């Protein structure tokens, strides 16, 4: 894992594919949350962007591995987690994040092994669970409800169903992991047509008693 000068305050967005994490994260970066400056770290987006860089923090072998993982739709397992550390450190450096900024994490950590590795980098202030049924997920994906999936050629029913099951097995346990450590877990219901603006408004209310 990369060495970080300070532990950054962070909020983690958790939810199945298509639930609206990316649009919500982008809106939080644009508008903030309860008056606080937010920076949206979309791990999937950073991984995809890393493939187009001939220079940067990742080595050619690491970029090759990222490409293989993206093609297979696989998670970044613990032994390859230094790649995530490099991308997060690069993101924070490029954004010149001040000490008071809140990093909105989307897609990282994705499972409990990653959560342990992240403890040296961030101080998790809240976990936001975006919750919707598989039927709602498919409807949101099918209609591109969040407006962020126009270039996702892998959004077939079979692939979306597979990702939902991976989420259930690997990512959902993060709620228990962080809850057991005293991190507030905020539950936000998402419907087929719920917008990022509606999510942010609800999140503002849910965060009333959370110290960010």
Foldseek 3Di string as FASTA:
>chain_A
DDADPDAAEEEEEAEAPLLQLVLLLVVCCVPNFPPAHEDEDAPVVLLVVVLPDPDADDDPVLNVVSVVCVVVVHDQDLVRCVVVVRSVVVSCVVVVDDRRYYYYYYPPPQADSRVVVCPSHHDYQAYEYEDDDLVLSLLSQVVVLAVPCPPPPPSDNVSSVVRVVCSVPGRVCVVVVVVVVVHYYHYDYGGNNDYSVNRSVVVSVSCPPTDD
